Amino acid sequence: MAKVSPGEFIRQVRAETARVVWPSSRETVMTTVMVIIMTTVLGLFFFSLDSFFSWIVQSLLKLI
């Protein structure tokens, strides 16, 4: 790997950063809202699934 001076490294980093297409604030907010909604839905789904299986196990243990 070629050695690069610190100054050249900084210039390369700035050049790469200039090419990045940053999301707008609206896109960031919409993505954040979608993540919150999806984690809430999945959390409720797994909670209900866990409660259902817990009820099954408790019912089976009462039979013994």
PDB file of N, CA and C in Angstrom:
ATOM      1  N   MET A   1       0.848  -1.174   0.000  1.00  0.00           N
ATOM      2  CA  MET A   1       0.000   0.000   0.000  1.00  0.00           C
ATOM      3  C   MET A   1       0.894   1.237   0.000  1.00  0.00           C
ATOM      4  N   ALA A   2       0.541   2.183  -0.853  1.00  0.00           N
ATOM      5  CA  ALA A   2       1.352   3.390  -0.991  1.00  0.00           C
ATOM      6  C   ALA A   2       1.161   4.306   0.209  1.00  0.00           C
ATOM      7  N   LYS A   3       2.254   4.928   0.626  1.00  0.00           N
ATOM      8  CA  LYS A   3       2.194   5.887   1.735  1.00  0.00           C
ATOM      9  C   LYS A   3       1.665   7.210   1.192  1.00  0.00           C
ATOM     10  N   VAL A   4       0.748   7.798   1.939  1.00  0.00           N
ATOM     11  CA  VAL A   4       0.149   9.074   1.543  1.00  0.00           C
ATOM     12  C   VAL A   4       0.406  10.066   2.657  1.00  0.00           C
ATOM     13  N   SER A   5       0.798  11.274   2.260  1.00  0.00           N
ATOM     14  CA  SER A   5       1.056  12.305   3.262  1.00  0.00           C
ATOM     15  C   SER A   5      -0.268  12.725   3.911  1.00  0.00           C
ATOM     16  N   PRO A   6      -0.207  13.233   5.131  1.00  0.00           N
ATOM     17  CA  PRO A   6      -1.431  13.668   5.811  1.00  0.00           C
ATOM     18  C   PRO A   6      -2.211  14.725   5.014  1.00  0.00           C
ATOM     19  N   GLY A   7      -1.508  15.641   4.388  1.00  0.00           N
ATOM     20  CA  GLY A   7      -2.177  16.675   3.588  1.00  0.00           C
ATOM     21  C   GLY A   7      -2.926  16.066   2.413  1.00  0.00           C
ATOM     22  N   GLU A   8      -2.281  15.118   1.717  1.00  0.00           N
ATOM     23  CA  GLU A   8      -2.922  14.454   0.583  1.00  0.00           C
ATOM     24  C   GLU A   8      -4.120  13.633   1.056  1.00  0.00           C
ATOM     25  N   PHE A   9      -3.993  12.993   2.197  1.00  0.00           N
ATOM     26  CA  PHE A   9      -5.090  12.215   2.751  1.00  0.00           C
ATOM     27  C   PHE A   9      -6.303  13.098   3.010  1.00  0.00           C
ATOM     28  N   ILE A  10      -6.081  14.276   3.601  1.00  0.00           N
ATOM     29  CA  ILE A  10      -7.175  15.209   3.884  1.00  0.00           C
ATOM     30  C   ILE A  10      -7.832  15.658   2.583  1.00  0.00           C
ATOM     31  N   ARG A  11      -7.031  15.934   1.556  1.00  0.00           N
ATOM     32  CA  ARG A  11      -7.597  16.341   0.268  1.00  0.00           C
ATOM     33  C   ARG A  11      -8.449  15.222  -0.335  1.00  0.00           C
ATOM     34  N   GLN A  12      -7.991  13.985  -0.220  1.00  0.00           N
ATOM     35  CA  GLN A  12      -8.759  12.856  -0.746  1.00  0.00           C
ATOM     36  C   GLN A  12     -10.071  12.677   0.022  1.00  0.00           C
ATOM     37  N   VAL A  13     -10.004  12.845   1.326  1.00  0.00           N
ATOM     38  CA  VAL A  13     -11.221  12.719   2.133  1.00  0.00           C
ATOM     39  C   VAL A  13     -12.218  13.800   1.746  1.00  0.00           C
ATOM     40  N   ARG A  14     -11.768  15.025   1.576  1.00  0.00           N
ATOM     41  CA  ARG A  14     -12.668  16.114   1.175  1.00  0.00           C
ATOM     42  C   ARG A  14     -13.257  15.859  -0.207  1.00  0.00           C
ATOM     43  N   ALA A  15     -12.461  15.328  -1.122  1.00  0.00           N
ATOM     44  CA  ALA A  15     -12.966  15.042  -2.469  1.00  0.00           C
ATOM     45  C   ALA A  15     -14.041  13.960  -2.422  1.00  0.00           C
ATOM     46  N   GLU A  16     -13.813  12.928  -1.621  1.00  0.00           N
ATOM     47  CA  GLU A  16     -14.813  11.857  -1.497  1.00  0.00           C
ATOM     48  C   GLU A  16     -16.076  12.358  -0.809  1.00  0.00           C
ATOM     49  N   THR A  17     -15.912  13.175   0.218  1.00  0.00           N
ATOM     50  CA  THR A  17     -17.065  13.704   0.944  1.00  0.00           C
ATOM     51  C   THR A  17     -17.902  14.606   0.043  1.00  0.00           C
ATOM     52  N   ALA A  18     -17.272  15.319  -0.876  1.00  0.00           N
ATOM     53  CA  ALA A  18     -17.998  16.197  -1.794  1.00  0.00           C
ATOM     54  C   ALA A  18     -18.882  15.389  -2.739  1.00  0.00           C
ATOM     55  N   ARG A  19     -18.538  14.135  -3.019  1.00  0.00           N
ATOM     56  CA  ARG A  19     -19.320  13.294  -3.924  1.00  0.00           C
ATOM     57  C   ARG A  19     -20.520  12.631  -3.249  1.00  0.00           C
ATOM     58  N   VAL A  20     -20.557  12.668  -1.935  1.00  0.00           N
ATOM     59  CA  VAL A  20     -21.646  12.020  -1.206  1.00  0.00           C
ATOM     60  C   VAL A  20     -22.936  12.794  -1.416  1.00  0.00           C
ATOM     61  N   VAL A  21     -24.017  12.066  -1.692  1.00  0.00           N
ATOM     62  CA  VAL A  21     -25.328  12.696  -1.811  1.00  0.00           C
ATOM     63  C   VAL A  21     -26.011  12.538  -0.456  1.00  0.00           C
ATOM     64  N   TRP A  22     -26.074  13.614   0.299  1.00  0.00           N
ATOM     65  CA  TRP A  22     -26.636  13.580   1.636  1.00  0.00           C
ATOM     66  C   TRP A  22     -28.150  13.654   1.553  1.00  0.00           C
ATOM     67  N   PRO A  23     -28.866  12.927   2.416  1.00  0.00           N
ATOM     68  CA  PRO A  23     -30.330  12.997   2.387  1.00  0.00           C
ATOM     69  C   PRO A  23     -30.829  14.337   2.913  1.00  0.00           C
ATOM     70  N   SER A  24     -31.989  14.730   2.406  1.00  0.00           N
ATOM     71  CA  SER A  24     -32.573  15.978   2.882  1.00  0.00           C
ATOM     72  C   SER A  24     -33.139  15.753   4.283  1.00  0.00           C
ATOM     73  N   SER A  25     -33.475  16.845   4.945  1.00  0.00           N
ATOM     74  CA  SER A  25     -34.026  16.710   6.296  1.00  0.00           C
ATOM     75  C   SER A  25     -35.382  16.004   6.254  1.00  0.00           C
ATOM     76  N   ARG A  26     -36.162  16.228   5.199  1.00  0.00           N
ATOM     77  CA  ARG A  26     -37.460  15.553   5.060  1.00  0.00           C
ATOM     78  C   ARG A  26     -37.249  14.045   4.912  1.00  0.00           C
ATOM     79  N   GLU A  27     -36.287  13.632   4.097  1.00  0.00           N
ATOM     80  CA  GLU A  27     -35.999  12.202   3.940  1.00  0.00           C
ATOM     81  C   GLU A  27     -35.547  11.585   5.261  1.00  0.00           C
ATOM     82  N   THR A  28     -34.744  12.315   5.999  1.00  0.00           N
ATOM     83  CA  THR A  28     -34.262  11.815   7.294  1.00  0.00           C
ATOM     84  C   THR A  28     -35.417  11.646   8.270  1.00  0.00           C
ATOM     85  N   VAL A  29     -36.319  12.615   8.314  1.00  0.00           N
ATOM     86  CA  VAL A  29     -37.470  12.533   9.218  1.00  0.00           C
ATOM     87  C   VAL A  29     -38.384  11.380   8.807  1.00  0.00           C
ATOM     88  N   MET A  30     -38.650  11.250   7.515  1.00  0.00           N
ATOM     89  CA  MET A  30     -39.529  10.167   7.042  1.00  0.00           C
ATOM     90  C   MET A  30     -38.924   8.802   7.347  1.00  0.00           C
ATOM     91  N   THR A  31     -37.639   8.658   7.152  1.00  0.00           N
ATOM     92  CA  THR A  31     -36.975   7.389   7.450  1.00  0.00           C
ATOM     93  C   THR A  31     -37.038   7.098   8.944  1.00  0.00           C
ATOM     94  N   THR A  32     -36.824   8.103   9.764  1.00  0.00           N
ATOM     95  CA  THR A  32     -36.892   7.935  11.215  1.00  0.00           C
ATOM     96  C   THR A  32     -38.289   7.502  11.651  1.00  0.00           C
ATOM     97  N   VAL A  33     -39.312   8.138  11.092  1.00  0.00           N
ATOM     98  CA  VAL A  33     -40.694   7.785  11.426  1.00  0.00           C
ATOM     99  C   VAL A  33     -40.983   6.345  11.005  1.00  0.00           C
ATOM    100  N   MET A  34     -40.531   5.951   9.821  1.00  0.00           N
ATOM    101  CA  MET A  34     -40.760   4.583   9.349  1.00  0.00           C
ATOM    102  C   MET A  34     -40.060   3.566  10.255  1.00  0.00           C
ATOM    103  N   VAL A  35     -38.868   3.874  10.697  1.00  0.00           N
ATOM    104  CA  VAL A  35     -38.151   2.971  11.599  1.00  0.00           C
ATOM    105  C   VAL A  35     -38.894   2.838  12.921  1.00  0.00           C
ATOM    106  N   ILE A  36     -39.386   3.942  13.462  1.00  0.00           N
ATOM    107  CA  ILE A  36     -40.127   3.901  14.727  1.00  0.00           C
ATOM    108  C   ILE A  36     -41.400   3.082  14.561  1.00  0.00           C
ATOM    109  N   ILE A  37     -42.124   3.285  13.455  1.00  0.00           N
ATOM    110  CA  ILE A  37     -43.355   2.530  13.213  1.00  0.00           C
ATOM    111  C   ILE A  37     -43.053   1.039  13.082  1.00  0.00           C
ATOM    112  N   MET A  38     -42.053   0.694  12.295  1.00  0.00           N
ATOM    113  CA  MET A  38     -41.740  -0.717  12.068  1.00  0.00           C
ATOM    114  C   MET A  38     -41.255  -1.396  13.341  1.00  0.00           C
ATOM    115  N   THR A  39     -40.439  -0.735  14.145  1.00  0.00           N
ATOM    116  CA  THR A  39     -39.982  -1.358  15.386  1.00  0.00           C
ATOM    117  C   THR A  39     -41.137  -1.520  16.368  1.00  0.00           C
ATOM    118  N   THR A  40     -42.086  -0.579  16.380  1.00  0.00           N
ATOM    119  CA  THR A  40     -43.255  -0.716  17.240  1.00  0.00           C
ATOM    120  C   THR A  40     -44.125  -1.888  16.793  1.00  0.00           C
ATOM    121  N   VAL A  41     -44.386  -1.991  15.495  1.00  0.00           N
ATOM    122  CA  VAL A  41     -45.203  -3.092  14.969  1.00  0.00           C
ATOM    123  C   VAL A  41     -44.528  -4.428  15.247  1.00  0.00           C
ATOM    124  N   LEU A  42     -43.243  -4.526  14.966  1.00  0.00           N
ATOM    125  CA  LEU A  42     -42.534  -5.786  15.217  1.00  0.00           C
ATOM    126  C   LEU A  42     -42.467  -6.103  16.705  1.00  0.00           C
ATOM    127  N   GLY A  43     -42.290  -5.096  17.533  1.00  0.00           N
ATOM    128  CA  GLY A  43     -42.277  -5.317  18.978  1.00  0.00           C
ATOM    129  C   GLY A  43     -43.608  -5.863  19.466  1.00  0.00           C
ATOM    130  N   LEU A  44     -44.711  -5.300  18.986  1.00  0.00           N
ATOM    131  CA  LEU A  44     -46.032  -5.789  19.363  1.00  0.00           C
ATOM    132  C   LEU A  44     -46.268  -7.204  18.836  1.00  0.00           C
ATOM    133  N   PHE A  45     -45.814  -7.470  17.616  1.00  0.00           N
ATOM    134  CA  PHE A  45     -45.965  -8.805  17.034  1.00  0.00           C
ATOM    135  C   PHE A  45     -45.235  -9.846  17.867  1.00  0.00           C
ATOM    136  N   PHE A  46     -43.971  -9.594  18.177  1.00  0.00           N
ATOM    137  CA  PHE A  46     -43.197 -10.564  18.943  1.00  0.00           C
ATOM    138  C   PHE A  46     -43.690 -10.676  20.386  1.00  0.00           C
ATOM    139  N   PHE A  47     -44.190  -9.584  20.945  1.00  0.00           N
ATOM    140  CA  PHE A  47     -44.772  -9.646  22.289  1.00  0.00           C
ATOM    141  C   PHE A  47     -46.001 -10.549  22.291  1.00  0.00           C
ATOM    142  N   SER A  48     -46.868 -10.387  21.294  1.00  0.00           N
ATOM    143  CA  SER A  48     -48.071 -11.226  21.238  1.00  0.00           C
ATOM    144  C   SER A  48     -47.718 -12.678  20.957  1.00  0.00           C
ATOM    145  N   LEU A  49     -46.739 -12.919  20.100  1.00  0.00           N
ATOM    146  CA  LEU A  49     -46.303 -14.279  19.814  1.00  0.00           C
ATOM    147  C   LEU A  49     -45.716 -14.929  21.066  1.00  0.00           C
ATOM    148  N   ASP A  50     -44.914 -14.189  21.792  1.00  0.00           N
ATOM    149  CA  ASP A  50     -44.318 -14.693  23.026  1.00  0.00           C
ATOM    150  C   ASP A  50     -45.395 -14.962  24.076  1.00  0.00           C
ATOM    151  N   SER A  51     -46.374 -14.071  24.187  1.00  0.00           N
ATOM    152  CA  SER A  51     -47.466 -14.271  25.139  1.00  0.00           C
ATOM    153  C   SER A  51     -48.276 -15.514  24.784  1.00  0.00           C
ATOM    154  N   PHE A  52     -48.522 -15.715  23.501  1.00  0.00           N
ATOM    155  CA  PHE A  52     -49.275 -16.885  23.056  1.00  0.00           C
ATOM    156  C   PHE A  52     -48.538 -18.173  23.407  1.00  0.00           C
ATOM    157  N   PHE A  53     -47.256 -18.242  23.087  1.00  0.00           N
ATOM    158  CA  PHE A  53     -46.485 -19.447  23.399  1.00  0.00           C
ATOM    159  C   PHE A  53     -46.339 -19.641  24.909  1.00  0.00           C
ATOM    160  N   SER A  54     -46.238 -18.560  25.652  1.00  0.00           N
ATOM    161  CA  SER A  54     -46.180 -18.660  27.109  1.00  0.00           C
ATOM    162  C   SER A  54     -47.482 -19.246  27.643  1.00  0.00           C
ATOM    163  N   TRP A  55     -48.611 -18.810  27.099  1.00  0.00           N
ATOM    164  CA  TRP A  55     -49.912 -19.347  27.504  1.00  0.00           C
ATOM    165  C   TRP A  55     -50.003 -20.842  27.194  1.00  0.00           C
ATOM    166  N   ILE A  56     -49.498 -21.248  26.024  1.00  0.00           N
ATOM    167  CA  ILE A  56     -49.505 -22.671  25.658  1.00  0.00           C
ATOM    168  C   ILE A  56     -48.670 -23.479  26.641  1.00  0.00           C
ATOM    169  N   VAL A  57     -47.480 -23.019  26.951  1.00  0.00           N
ATOM    170  CA  VAL A  57     -46.590 -23.735  27.869  1.00  0.00           C
ATOM    171  C   VAL A  57     -47.226 -23.813  29.257  1.00  0.00           C
ATOM    172  N   GLN A  58     -47.796 -22.705  29.744  1.00  0.00           N
ATOM    173  CA  GLN A  58     -48.437 -22.699  31.049  1.00  0.00           C
ATOM    174  C   GLN A  58     -49.621 -23.667  31.072  1.00  0.00           C
ATOM    175  N   SER A  59     -50.385 -23.715  29.993  1.00  0.00           N
ATOM    176  CA  SER A  59     -51.516 -24.647  29.918  1.00  0.00           C
ATOM    177  C   SER A  59     -51.051 -26.093  29.935  1.00  0.00           C
ATOM    178  N   LEU A  60     -49.974 -26.367  29.216  1.00  0.00           N
ATOM    179  CA  LEU A  60     -49.434 -27.729  29.197  1.00  0.00           C
ATOM    180  C   LEU A  60     -48.858 -28.132  30.552  1.00  0.00           C
ATOM    181  N   LEU A  61     -48.237 -27.192  31.248  1.00  0.00           N
ATOM    182  CA  LEU A  61     -47.669 -27.507  32.544  1.00  0.00           C
ATOM    183  C   LEU A  61     -48.762 -27.747  33.598  1.00  0.00           C
ATOM    184  N   LYS A  62     -49.907 -27.133  33.447  1.00  0.00           N
ATOM    185  CA  LYS A  62     -51.009 -27.352  34.382  1.00  0.00           C
ATOM    186  C   LYS A  62     -51.598 -28.752  34.223  1.00  0.00           C
ATOM    187  N   LEU A  63     -51.430 -29.356  33.036  1.00  0.00           N
ATOM    188  CA  LEU A  63     -51.964 -30.700  32.784  1.00  0.00           C
ATOM    189  C   LEU A  63     -51.150 -31.782  33.496  1.00  0.00           C
ATOM    190  N   ILE A  64     -49.915 -31.461  33.785  1.00  0.00           N
ATOM    191  CA  ILE A  64     -49.012 -32.474  34.384  1.00  0.00           C
ATOM    192  C   ILE A  64     -49.281 -32.658  35.843  1.00  0.00           C
TER     193      ILE A  64
END
